[in-house]
Amino acid sequence: MEGNLDQHRDELRFFSALVRPGLSEQRALYREDVQALIENYQQDSRKYRRTHNSLQNLVMVGSAFTTTIAALDAKEPTWQNIAVLAISFAITVASMINGYYKFRERSYFLQ
C-alpha cells in the first residue's frame, strides 16, 4: 500500500512538472510531504531530550551525593551535623533542578 502511495506521489510530481498547479495545490502537496518529516524529527527530538535529561539528572544528583558523602567523614556525627547535611543536600538538589530546567523562564515565555 505504501509502495502504491509512493508511486502515485511520483506520478503526481511528474504531472505537476508538466502542468503548473496553483498555489493552494502546491501548499497542500508541501504539507503532505513535510508532515512525515516533521513527525520523524519530533520522535528523534523526544528520544534525544529524554537521554539528555536522564544523563543531566545523573550528573546533578551524583555530584550532590558526592559532596554529601564527603562531608559525612566526621568521626562523631551529631544531630546538628546531620541536619546541616540534609538541609544543604536538599538546597543543592533544588538549586540544580531549578538551574537546569529554568522554570521561571518557561513560565515567563508561556505567559
PDB file of N, CA and C in Angstrom:
ATOM      1  N   MET A   1       0.828  -1.183   0.000  1.00  0.00           N
ATOM      2  CA  MET A   1       0.000   0.000   0.000  1.00  0.00           C
ATOM      3  C   MET A   1       0.881   1.259   0.000  1.00  0.00           C
ATOM      4  N   GLU A   2       1.963   1.220   0.828  1.00  0.00           N
ATOM      5  CA  GLU A   2       2.860   2.371   0.852  1.00  0.00           C
ATOM      6  C   GLU A   2       3.585   2.517  -0.480  1.00  0.00           C
ATOM      7  N   GLY A   3       3.909   1.399  -1.121  1.00  0.00           N
ATOM      8  CA  GLY A   3       4.550   1.446  -2.437  1.00  0.00           C
ATOM      9  C   GLY A   3       3.648   2.111  -3.459  1.00  0.00           C
ATOM     10  N   ASN A   4       2.368   1.766  -3.401  1.00  0.00           N
ATOM     11  CA  ASN A   4       1.414   2.402  -4.308  1.00  0.00           C
ATOM     12  C   ASN A   4       1.297   3.891  -4.032  1.00  0.00           C
ATOM     13  N   LEU A   5       1.309   4.243  -2.760  1.00  0.00           N
ATOM     14  CA  LEU A   5       1.227   5.657  -2.409  1.00  0.00           C
ATOM     15  C   LEU A   5       2.443   6.418  -2.920  1.00  0.00           C
ATOM     16  N   ASP A   6       3.629   5.839  -2.757  1.00  0.00           N
ATOM     17  CA  ASP A   6       4.840   6.479  -3.274  1.00  0.00           C
ATOM     18  C   ASP A   6       4.794   6.590  -4.793  1.00  0.00           C
ATOM     19  N   GLN A   7       4.304   5.545  -5.446  1.00  0.00           N
ATOM     20  CA  GLN A   7       4.204   5.570  -6.909  1.00  0.00           C
ATOM     21  C   GLN A   7       3.238   6.669  -7.341  1.00  0.00           C
ATOM     22  N   HIS A   8       2.112   6.795  -6.671  1.00  0.00           N
ATOM     23  CA  HIS A   8       1.142   7.833  -7.019  1.00  0.00           C
ATOM     24  C   HIS A   8       1.707   9.223  -6.749  1.00  0.00           C
ATOM     25  N   ARG A   9       2.479   9.360  -5.683  1.00  0.00           N
ATOM     26  CA  ARG A   9       3.098  10.657  -5.423  1.00  0.00           C
ATOM     27  C   ARG A   9       4.102  11.022  -6.508  1.00  0.00           C
ATOM     28  N   ASP A  10       4.872  10.022  -6.945  1.00  0.00           N
ATOM     29  CA  ASP A  10       5.820  10.281  -8.027  1.00  0.00           C
ATOM     30  C   ASP A  10       5.100  10.671  -9.317  1.00  0.00           C
ATOM     31  N   GLU A  11       4.007   9.974  -9.620  1.00  0.00           N
ATOM     32  CA  GLU A  11       3.221  10.317 -10.809  1.00  0.00           C
ATOM     33  C   GLU A  11       2.652  11.728 -10.678  1.00  0.00           C
ATOM     34  N   LEU A  12       2.205  12.069  -9.485  1.00  0.00           N
ATOM     35  CA  LEU A  12       1.659  13.402  -9.270  1.00  0.00           C
ATOM     36  C   LEU A  12       2.737  14.467  -9.432  1.00  0.00           C
ATOM     37  N   ARG A  13       3.932  14.186  -8.958  1.00  0.00           N
ATOM     38  CA  ARG A  13       5.039  15.127  -9.136  1.00  0.00           C
ATOM     39  C   ARG A  13       5.375  15.305 -10.621  1.00  0.00           C
ATOM     40  N   PHE A  14       5.396  14.190 -11.345  1.00  0.00           N
ATOM     41  CA  PHE A  14       5.677  14.267 -12.778  1.00  0.00           C
ATOM     42  C   PHE A  14       4.593  15.083 -13.469  1.00  0.00           C
ATOM     43  N   PHE A  15       3.362  14.823 -13.134  1.00  0.00           N
ATOM     44  CA  PHE A  15       2.259  15.570 -13.731  1.00  0.00           C
ATOM     45  C   PHE A  15       2.338  17.043 -13.343  1.00  0.00           C
ATOM     46  N   SER A  16       2.712  17.306 -12.111  1.00  0.00           N
ATOM     47  CA  SER A  16       2.828  18.690 -11.646  1.00  0.00           C
ATOM     48  C   SER A  16       3.936  19.430 -12.382  1.00  0.00           C
ATOM     49  N   ALA A  17       4.978  18.692 -12.779  1.00  0.00           N
ATOM     50  CA  ALA A  17       6.050  19.331 -13.546  1.00  0.00           C
ATOM     51  C   ALA A  17       5.558  19.739 -14.927  1.00  0.00           C
ATOM     52  N   LEU A  18       4.624  18.962 -15.481  1.00  0.00           N
ATOM     53  CA  LEU A  18       4.075  19.294 -16.792  1.00  0.00           C
ATOM     54  C   LEU A  18       3.035  20.405 -16.714  1.00  0.00           C
ATOM     55  N   VAL A  19       2.216  20.332 -15.720  1.00  0.00           N
ATOM     56  CA  VAL A  19       1.147  21.320 -15.541  1.00  0.00           C
ATOM     57  C   VAL A  19       1.407  22.029 -14.229  1.00  0.00           C
ATOM     58  N   ARG A  20       1.580  23.310 -14.291  1.00  0.00           N
ATOM     59  CA  ARG A  20       1.887  24.092 -13.091  1.00  0.00           C
ATOM     60  C   ARG A  20       0.636  24.193 -12.217  1.00  0.00           C
ATOM     61  N   PRO A  21       0.661  23.552 -11.013  1.00  0.00           N
ATOM     62  CA  PRO A  21      -0.514  23.644 -10.131  1.00  0.00           C
ATOM     63  C   PRO A  21      -0.591  25.029  -9.487  1.00  0.00           C
ATOM     64  N   GLY A  22      -1.759  25.324  -8.993  1.00  0.00           N
ATOM     65  CA  GLY A  22      -1.951  26.601  -8.326  1.00  0.00           C
ATOM     66  C   GLY A  22      -1.266  26.626  -6.976  1.00  0.00           C
ATOM     67  N   LEU A  23      -1.266  27.790  -6.385  1.00  0.00           N
ATOM     68  CA  LEU A  23      -0.577  27.974  -5.109  1.00  0.00           C
ATOM     69  C   LEU A  23      -1.209  27.127  -4.004  1.00  0.00           C
ATOM     70  N   SER A  24      -2.511  27.022  -3.986  1.00  0.00           N
ATOM     71  CA  SER A  24      -3.162  26.227  -2.939  1.00  0.00           C
ATOM     72  C   SER A  24      -2.821  24.748  -3.086  1.00  0.00           C
ATOM     73  N   GLU A  25      -2.729  24.246  -4.328  1.00  0.00           N
ATOM     74  CA  GLU A  25      -2.351  22.845  -4.536  1.00  0.00           C
ATOM     75  C   GLU A  25      -0.898  22.611  -4.133  1.00  0.00           C
ATOM     76  N   GLN A  26      -0.035  23.567  -4.458  1.00  0.00           N
ATOM     77  CA  GLN A  26       1.366  23.443  -4.061  1.00  0.00           C
ATOM     78  C   GLN A  26       1.496  23.383  -2.542  1.00  0.00           C
ATOM     79  N   ARG A  27       0.755  24.222  -1.852  1.00  0.00           N
ATOM     80  CA  ARG A  27       0.802  24.208  -0.379  1.00  0.00           C
ATOM     81  C   ARG A  27       0.284  22.897   0.176  1.00  0.00           C
ATOM     82  N   ALA A  28      -0.773  22.384  -0.412  1.00  0.00           N
ATOM     83  CA  ALA A  28      -1.332  21.114   0.068  1.00  0.00           C
ATOM     84  C   ALA A  28      -0.333  19.978  -0.136  1.00  0.00           C
ATOM     85  N   LEU A  29       0.325  19.938  -1.290  1.00  0.00           N
ATOM     86  CA  LEU A  29       1.329  18.903  -1.539  1.00  0.00           C
ATOM     87  C   LEU A  29       2.504  19.043  -0.583  1.00  0.00           C
ATOM     88  N   TYR A  30       2.904  20.275  -0.346  1.00  0.00           N
ATOM     89  CA  TYR A  30       4.022  20.518   0.574  1.00  0.00           C
ATOM     90  C   TYR A  30       3.676  20.038   1.979  1.00  0.00           C
ATOM     91  N   ARG A  31       2.477  20.364   2.446  1.00  0.00           N
ATOM     92  CA  ARG A  31       2.064  19.945   3.791  1.00  0.00           C
ATOM     93  C   ARG A  31       2.021  18.425   3.922  1.00  0.00           C
ATOM     94  N   GLU A  32       1.566  17.746   2.889  1.00  0.00           N
ATOM     95  CA  GLU A  32       1.528  16.281   2.936  1.00  0.00           C
ATOM     96  C   GLU A  32       2.933  15.695   2.983  1.00  0.00           C
ATOM     97  N   ASP A  33       3.835  16.246   2.188  1.00  0.00           N
ATOM     98  CA  ASP A  33       5.196  15.722   2.142  1.00  0.00           C
ATOM     99  C   ASP A  33       5.969  16.005   3.417  1.00  0.00           C
ATOM    100  N   VAL A  34       5.736  17.153   3.986  1.00  0.00           N
ATOM    101  CA  VAL A  34       6.526  17.579   5.136  1.00  0.00           C
ATOM    102  C   VAL A  34       6.036  16.942   6.439  1.00  0.00           C
ATOM    103  N   GLN A  35       4.784  16.551   6.495  1.00  0.00           N
ATOM    104  CA  GLN A  35       4.221  16.022   7.735  1.00  0.00           C
ATOM    105  C   GLN A  35       4.984  14.803   8.235  1.00  0.00           C
ATOM    106  N   ALA A  36       5.353  13.902   7.353  1.00  0.00           N
ATOM    107  CA  ALA A  36       6.101  12.708   7.768  1.00  0.00           C
ATOM    108  C   ALA A  36       7.481  13.083   8.296  1.00  0.00           C
ATOM    109  N   LEU A  37       8.122  14.052   7.657  1.00  0.00           N
ATOM    110  CA  LEU A  37       9.426  14.504   8.134  1.00  0.00           C
ATOM    111  C   LEU A  37       9.328  15.145   9.510  1.00  0.00           C
ATOM    112  N   ILE A  38       8.310  15.937   9.708  1.00  0.00           N
ATOM    113  CA  ILE A  38       8.123  16.611  10.995  1.00  0.00           C
ATOM    114  C   ILE A  38       7.910  15.578  12.098  1.00  0.00           C
ATOM    115  N   GLU A  39       7.097  14.579  11.851  1.00  0.00           N
ATOM    116  CA  GLU A  39       6.857  13.540  12.854  1.00  0.00           C
ATOM    117  C   GLU A  39       8.138  12.780  13.181  1.00  0.00           C
ATOM    118  N   ASN A  40       8.951  12.512  12.178  1.00  0.00           N
ATOM    119  CA  ASN A  40      10.216  11.821  12.395  1.00  0.00           C
ATOM    120  C   ASN A  40      11.160  12.674  13.237  1.00  0.00           C
ATOM    121  N   TYR A  41      11.254  13.953  12.912  1.00  0.00           N
ATOM    122  CA  TYR A  41      12.114  14.851  13.689  1.00  0.00           C
ATOM    123  C   TYR A  41      11.623  14.993  15.123  1.00  0.00           C
ATOM    124  N   GLN A  42      10.314  15.050  15.324  1.00  0.00           N
ATOM    125  CA  GLN A  42       9.771  15.163  16.678  1.00  0.00           C
ATOM    126  C   GLN A  42      10.082  13.911  17.486  1.00  0.00           C
ATOM    127  N   GLN A  43       9.980  12.752  16.862  1.00  0.00           N
ATOM    128  CA  GLN A  43      10.275  11.496  17.552  1.00  0.00           C
ATOM    129  C   GLN A  43      11.753  11.439  17.945  1.00  0.00           C
ATOM    130  N   ASP A  44      12.635  11.810  17.029  1.00  0.00           N
ATOM    131  CA  ASP A  44      14.067  11.834  17.344  1.00  0.00           C
ATOM    132  C   ASP A  44      14.369  12.854  18.434  1.00  0.00           C
ATOM    133  N   SER A  45      13.696  13.981  18.377  1.00  0.00           N
ATOM    134  CA  SER A  45      13.906  15.027  19.377  1.00  0.00           C
ATOM    135  C   SER A  45      13.513  14.548  20.767  1.00  0.00           C
ATOM    136  N   ARG A  46      12.380  13.872  20.878  1.00  0.00           N
ATOM    137  CA  ARG A  46      11.952  13.332  22.176  1.00  0.00           C
ATOM    138  C   ARG A  46      12.970  12.338  22.717  1.00  0.00           C
ATOM    139  N   LYS A  47      13.505  11.484  21.840  1.00  0.00           N
ATOM    140  CA  LYS A  47      14.483  10.480  22.264  1.00  0.00           C
ATOM    141  C   LYS A  47      15.750  11.157  22.793  1.00  0.00           C
ATOM    142  N   TYR A  48      16.267  12.126  22.060  1.00  0.00           N
ATOM    143  CA  TYR A  48      17.490  12.807  22.480  1.00  0.00           C
ATOM    144  C   TYR A  48      17.264  13.645  23.734  1.00  0.00           C
ATOM    145  N   ARG A  49      16.095  14.284  23.847  1.00  0.00           N
ATOM    146  CA  ARG A  49      15.791  15.082  25.033  1.00  0.00           C
ATOM    147  C   ARG A  49      15.699  14.190  26.266  1.00  0.00           C
ATOM    148  N   ARG A  50      15.076  13.023  26.129  1.00  0.00           N
ATOM    149  CA  ARG A  50      14.948  12.084  27.244  1.00  0.00           C
ATOM    150  C   ARG A  50      16.332  11.591  27.685  1.00  0.00           C
ATOM    151  N   THR A  51      17.185  11.265  26.715  1.00  0.00           N
ATOM    152  CA  THR A  51      18.540  10.812  27.035  1.00  0.00           C
ATOM    153  C   THR A  51      19.329  11.914  27.718  1.00  0.00           C
ATOM    154  N   HIS A  52      19.256  13.122  27.182  1.00  0.00           N
ATOM    155  CA  HIS A  52      19.991  14.244  27.759  1.00  0.00           C
ATOM    156  C   HIS A  52      19.520  14.542  29.179  1.00  0.00           C
ATOM    157  N   ASN A  53      18.214  14.579  29.380  1.00  0.00           N
ATOM    158  CA  ASN A  53      17.690  14.866  30.720  1.00  0.00           C
ATOM    159  C   ASN A  53      18.073  13.779  31.713  1.00  0.00           C
ATOM    160  N   SER A  54      18.070  12.526  31.294  1.00  0.00           N
ATOM    161  CA  SER A  54      18.465  11.439  32.193  1.00  0.00           C
ATOM    162  C   SER A  54      19.928  11.572  32.607  1.00  0.00           C
ATOM    163  N   LEU A  55      20.790  11.820  31.640  1.00  0.00           N
ATOM    164  CA  LEU A  55      22.209  11.963  31.958  1.00  0.00           C
ATOM    165  C   LEU A  55      22.472  13.210  32.808  1.00  0.00           C
ATOM    166  N   GLN A  56      21.775  14.289  32.516  1.00  0.00           N
ATOM    167  CA  GLN A  56      21.961  15.518  33.295  1.00  0.00           C
ATOM    168  C   GLN A  56      21.494  15.310  34.731  1.00  0.00           C
ATOM    169  N   ASN A  57      20.384  14.625  34.922  1.00  0.00           N
ATOM    170  CA  ASN A  57      19.913  14.329  36.275  1.00  0.00           C
ATOM    171  C   ASN A  57      20.911  13.453  37.019  1.00  0.00           C
ATOM    172  N   LEU A  58      21.496  12.485  36.341  1.00  0.00           N
ATOM    173  CA  LEU A  58      22.509  11.639  36.964  1.00  0.00           C
ATOM    174  C   LEU A  58      23.703  12.467  37.414  1.00  0.00           C
ATOM    175  N   VAL A  59      24.150  13.396  36.590  1.00  0.00           N
ATOM    176  CA  VAL A  59      25.284  14.253  36.947  1.00  0.00           C
ATOM    177  C   VAL A  59      24.931  15.131  38.144  1.00  0.00           C
ATOM    178  N   MET A  60      23.740  15.717  38.125  1.00  0.00           N
ATOM    179  CA  MET A  60      23.357  16.630  39.214  1.00  0.00           C
ATOM    180  C   MET A  60      23.236  15.890  40.541  1.00  0.00           C
ATOM    181  N   VAL A  61      22.488  14.806  40.556  1.00  0.00           N
ATOM    182  CA  VAL A  61      22.280  14.072  41.804  1.00  0.00           C
ATOM    183  C   VAL A  61      23.575  13.411  42.257  1.00  0.00           C
ATOM    184  N   GLY A  62      24.356  12.903  41.326  1.00  0.00           N
ATOM    185  CA  GLY A  62      25.630  12.293  41.681  1.00  0.00           C
ATOM    186  C   GLY A  62      26.589  13.277  42.315  1.00  0.00           C
ATOM    187  N   SER A  63      26.645  14.484  41.796  1.00  0.00           N
ATOM    188  CA  SER A  63      27.545  15.476  42.393  1.00  0.00           C
ATOM    189  C   SER A  63      27.061  15.891  43.781  1.00  0.00           C
ATOM    190  N   ALA A  64      25.751  15.989  43.955  1.00  0.00           N
ATOM    191  CA  ALA A  64      25.228  16.337  45.278  1.00  0.00           C
ATOM    192  C   ALA A  64      25.516  15.214  46.282  1.00  0.00           C
ATOM    193  N   PHE A  65      25.337  13.967  45.870  1.00  0.00           N
ATOM    194  CA  PHE A  65      25.638  12.843  46.764  1.00  0.00           C
ATOM    195  C   PHE A  65      27.130  12.770  47.089  1.00  0.00           C
ATOM    196  N   THR A  66      27.959  13.061  46.111  1.00  0.00           N
ATOM    197  CA  THR A  66      29.399  13.001  46.342  1.00  0.00           C
ATOM    198  C   THR A  66      29.834  14.007  47.400  1.00  0.00           C
ATOM    199  N   THR A  67      29.355  15.235  47.292  1.00  0.00           N
ATOM    200  CA  THR A  67      29.735  16.243  48.303  1.00  0.00           C
ATOM    201  C   THR A  67      29.127  15.908  49.652  1.00  0.00           C
ATOM    202  N   THR A  68      27.930  15.351  49.674  1.00  0.00           N
ATOM    203  CA  THR A  68      27.303  14.987  50.947  1.00  0.00           C
ATOM    204  C   THR A  68      28.050  13.840  51.613  1.00  0.00           C
ATOM    205  N   ILE A  69      28.411  12.839  50.852  1.00  0.00           N
ATOM    206  CA  ILE A  69      29.149  11.704  51.418  1.00  0.00           C
ATOM    207  C   ILE A  69      30.527  12.149  51.902  1.00  0.00           C
ATOM    208  N   ALA A  70      31.149  13.048  51.162  1.00  0.00           N
ATOM    209  CA  ALA A  70      32.455  13.556  51.597  1.00  0.00           C
ATOM    210  C   ALA A  70      32.330  14.339  52.901  1.00  0.00           C
ATOM    211  N   ALA A  71      31.208  15.035  53.092  1.00  0.00           N
ATOM    212  CA  ALA A  71      31.012  15.792  54.326  1.00  0.00           C
ATOM    213  C   ALA A  71      30.675  14.883  55.508  1.00  0.00           C
ATOM    214  N   LEU A  72      30.252  13.667  55.261  1.00  0.00           N
ATOM    215  CA  LEU A  72      29.915  12.724  56.323  1.00  0.00           C
ATOM    216  C   LEU A  72      31.149  12.078  56.951  1.00  0.00           C
ATOM    217  N   ASP A  73      32.312  12.568  56.638  1.00  0.00           N
ATOM    218  CA  ASP A  73      33.547  11.965  57.100  1.00  0.00           C
ATOM    219  C   ASP A  73      33.834  12.263  58.579  1.00  0.00           C
ATOM    220  N   ALA A  74      32.926  12.953  59.253  1.00  0.00           N
ATOM    221  CA  ALA A  74      33.144  13.289  60.665  1.00  0.00           C
ATOM    222  C   ALA A  74      33.201  12.020  61.506  1.00  0.00           C
ATOM    223  N   LYS A  75      34.021  12.057  62.540  1.00  0.00           N
ATOM    224  CA  LYS A  75      34.188  10.866  63.386  1.00  0.00           C
ATOM    225  C   LYS A  75      32.944  10.603  64.225  1.00  0.00           C
ATOM    226  N   GLU A  76      32.383  11.650  64.805  1.00  0.00           N
ATOM    227  CA  GLU A  76      31.163  11.509  65.595  1.00  0.00           C
ATOM    228  C   GLU A  76      30.070  12.377  64.999  1.00  0.00           C
ATOM    229  N   PRO A  77      29.198  11.797  64.202  1.00  0.00           N
ATOM    230  CA  PRO A  77      28.131  12.617  63.632  1.00  0.00           C
ATOM    231  C   PRO A  77      27.079  12.971  64.697  1.00  0.00           C
ATOM    232  N   THR A  78      26.849  14.232  64.860  1.00  0.00           N
ATOM    233  CA  THR A  78      25.818  14.695  65.796  1.00  0.00           C
ATOM    234  C   THR A  78      24.566  15.029  65.000  1.00  0.00           C
ATOM    235  N   TRP A  79      23.488  15.282  65.715  1.00  0.00           N
ATOM    236  CA  TRP A  79      22.247  15.593  65.022  1.00  0.00           C
ATOM    237  C   TRP A  79      22.366  16.927  64.308  1.00  0.00           C
ATOM    238  N   GLN A  80      23.197  17.842  64.816  1.00  0.00           N
ATOM    239  CA  GLN A  80      23.378  19.121  64.139  1.00  0.00           C
ATOM    240  C   GLN A  80      24.091  18.931  62.796  1.00  0.00           C
ATOM    241  N   ASN A  81      25.132  18.078  62.802  1.00  0.00           N
ATOM    242  CA  ASN A  81      25.850  17.816  61.544  1.00  0.00           C
ATOM    243  C   ASN A  81      24.928  17.161  60.513  1.00  0.00           C
ATOM    244  N   ILE A  82      24.133  16.209  60.974  1.00  0.00           N
ATOM    245  CA  ILE A  82      23.226  15.510  60.063  1.00  0.00           C
ATOM    246  C   ILE A  82      22.158  16.464  59.531  1.00  0.00           C
ATOM    247  N   ALA A  83      21.642  17.347  60.392  1.00  0.00           N
ATOM    248  CA  ALA A  83      20.639  18.321  59.948  1.00  0.00           C
ATOM    249  C   ALA A  83      21.223  19.277  58.917  1.00  0.00           C
ATOM    250  N   VAL A  84      22.435  19.748  59.175  1.00  0.00           N
ATOM    251  CA  VAL A  84      23.080  20.664  58.221  1.00  0.00           C
ATOM    252  C   VAL A  84      23.327  19.955  56.891  1.00  0.00           C
ATOM    253  N   LEU A  85      23.767  18.700  56.950  1.00  0.00           N
ATOM    254  CA  LEU A  85      23.984  17.944  55.722  1.00  0.00           C
ATOM    255  C   LEU A  85      22.688  17.735  54.943  1.00  0.00           C
ATOM    256  N   ALA A  86      21.627  17.375  55.622  1.00  0.00           N
ATOM    257  CA  ALA A  86      20.345  17.136  54.952  1.00  0.00           C
ATOM    258  C   ALA A  86      19.811  18.412  54.316  1.00  0.00           C
ATOM    259  N   ILE A  87      19.886  19.512  55.059  1.00  0.00           N
ATOM    260  CA  ILE A  87      19.392  20.778  54.520  1.00  0.00           C
ATOM    261  C   ILE A  87      20.239  21.234  53.334  1.00  0.00           C
ATOM    262  N   SER A  88      21.552  21.126  53.461  1.00  0.00           N
ATOM    263  CA  SER A  88      22.408  21.563  52.358  1.00  0.00           C
ATOM    264  C   SER A  88      22.239  20.669  51.140  1.00  0.00           C
ATOM    265  N   PHE A  89      22.024  19.369  51.344  1.00  0.00           N
ATOM    266  CA  PHE A  89      21.773  18.474  50.215  1.00  0.00           C
ATOM    267  C   PHE A  89      20.474  18.849  49.512  1.00  0.00           C
ATOM    268  N   ALA A  90      19.424  19.093  50.282  1.00  0.00           N
ATOM    269  CA  ALA A  90      18.136  19.466  49.687  1.00  0.00           C
ATOM    270  C   ALA A  90      18.244  20.776  48.910  1.00  0.00           C
ATOM    271  N   ILE A  91      18.955  21.745  49.462  1.00  0.00           N
ATOM    272  CA  ILE A  91      19.120  23.031  48.781  1.00  0.00           C
ATOM    273  C   ILE A  91      19.951  22.852  47.508  1.00  0.00           C
ATOM    274  N   THR A  92      20.978  22.027  47.575  1.00  0.00           N
ATOM    275  CA  THR A  92      21.805  21.769  46.392  1.00  0.00           C
ATOM    276  C   THR A  92      20.992  21.137  45.278  1.00  0.00           C
ATOM    277  N   VAL A  93      20.214  20.123  45.606  1.00  0.00           N
ATOM    278  CA  VAL A  93      19.397  19.457  44.591  1.00  0.00           C
ATOM    279  C   VAL A  93      18.353  20.417  44.030  1.00  0.00           C
ATOM    280  N   ALA A  94      17.709  21.199  44.886  1.00  0.00           N
ATOM    281  CA  ALA A  94      16.696  22.147  44.409  1.00  0.00           C
ATOM    282  C   ALA A  94      17.308  23.205  43.493  1.00  0.00           C
ATOM    283  N   SER A  95      18.468  23.720  43.845  1.00  0.00           N
ATOM    284  CA  SER A  95      19.088  24.745  43.001  1.00  0.00           C
ATOM    285  C   SER A  95      19.564  24.159  41.682  1.00  0.00           C
ATOM    286  N   MET A  96      20.043  22.903  41.690  1.00  0.00           N
ATOM    287  CA  MET A  96      20.461  22.274  40.432  1.00  0.00           C
ATOM    288  C   MET A  96      19.267  22.063  39.506  1.00  0.00           C
ATOM    289  N   ILE A  97      18.175  21.565  40.053  1.00  0.00           N
ATOM    290  CA  ILE A  97      16.986  21.331  39.232  1.00  0.00           C
ATOM    291  C   ILE A  97      16.442  22.652  38.708  1.00  0.00           C
ATOM    292  N   ASN A  98      16.391  23.656  39.561  1.00  0.00           N
ATOM    293  CA  ASN A  98      15.895  24.964  39.135  1.00  0.00           C
ATOM    294  C   ASN A  98      16.815  25.592  38.090  1.00  0.00           C
ATOM    295  N   GLY A  99      18.113  25.441  38.259  1.00  0.00           N
ATOM    296  CA  GLY A  99      19.054  25.999  37.301  1.00  0.00           C
ATOM    297  C   GLY A  99      19.030  25.293  35.961  1.00  0.00           C
ATOM    298  N   TYR A 100      18.789  23.997  35.963  1.00  0.00           N
ATOM    299  CA  TYR A 100      18.789  23.248  34.708  1.00  0.00           C
ATOM    300  C   TYR A 100      17.476  23.384  33.954  1.00  0.00           C
ATOM    301  N   TYR A 101      16.359  23.222  34.647  1.00  0.00           N
ATOM    302  CA  TYR A 101      15.070  23.225  33.966  1.00  0.00           C
ATOM    303  C   TYR A 101      14.489  24.626  33.775  1.00  0.00           C
ATOM    304  N   LYS A 102      15.002  25.620  34.479  1.00  0.00           N
ATOM    305  CA  LYS A 102      14.642  27.027  34.299  1.00  0.00           C
ATOM    306  C   LYS A 102      13.121  27.237  34.270  1.00  0.00           C
ATOM    307  N   PHE A 103      12.490  26.903  35.377  1.00  0.00           N
ATOM    308  CA  PHE A 103      11.036  27.011  35.461  1.00  0.00           C
ATOM    309  C   PHE A 103      10.557  28.455  35.336  1.00  0.00           C
ATOM    310  N   ARG A 104      11.324  29.405  35.846  1.00  0.00           N
ATOM    311  CA  ARG A 104      10.917  30.809  35.768  1.00  0.00           C
ATOM    312  C   ARG A 104      10.871  31.269  34.314  1.00  0.00           C
ATOM    313  N   GLU A 105      11.892  30.930  33.533  1.00  0.00           N
ATOM    314  CA  GLU A 105      11.917  31.329  32.134  1.00  0.00           C
ATOM    315  C   GLU A 105      10.794  30.671  31.348  1.00  0.00           C
ATOM    316  N   ARG A 106      10.533  29.402  31.642  1.00  0.00           N
ATOM    317  CA  ARG A 106       9.437  28.719  30.952  1.00  0.00           C
ATOM    318  C   ARG A 106       8.109  29.403  31.266  1.00  0.00           C
ATOM    319  N   SER A 107       7.918  29.752  32.538  1.00  0.00           N
ATOM    320  CA  SER A 107       6.694  30.431  32.930  1.00  0.00           C
ATOM    321  C   SER A 107       6.555  31.772  32.215  1.00  0.00           C
ATOM    322  N   TYR A 108       7.650  32.503  32.162  1.00  0.00           N
ATOM    323  CA  TYR A 108       7.640  33.817  31.514  1.00  0.00           C
ATOM    324  C   TYR A 108       7.288  33.698  30.043  1.00  0.00           C
ATOM    325  N   PHE A 109       7.920  32.766  29.344  1.00  0.00           N
ATOM    326  CA  PHE A 109       7.675  32.632  27.913  1.00  0.00           C
ATOM    327  C   PHE A 109       6.293  32.059  27.622  1.00  0.00           C
ATOM    328  N   LEU A 110       5.778  31.207  28.498  1.00  0.00           N
ATOM    329  CA  LEU A 110       4.421  30.721  28.306  1.00  0.00           C
ATOM    330  C   LEU A 110       3.387  31.813  28.535  1.00  0.00           C
ATOM    331  N   GLN A 111       3.701  32.711  29.466  1.00  0.00           N
ATOM    332  CA  GLN A 111       2.776  33.790  29.741  1.00  0.00           C
ATOM    333  C   GLN A 111       2.771  34.757  28.584  1.00  0.00           C
TER     334      GLN A 111
END
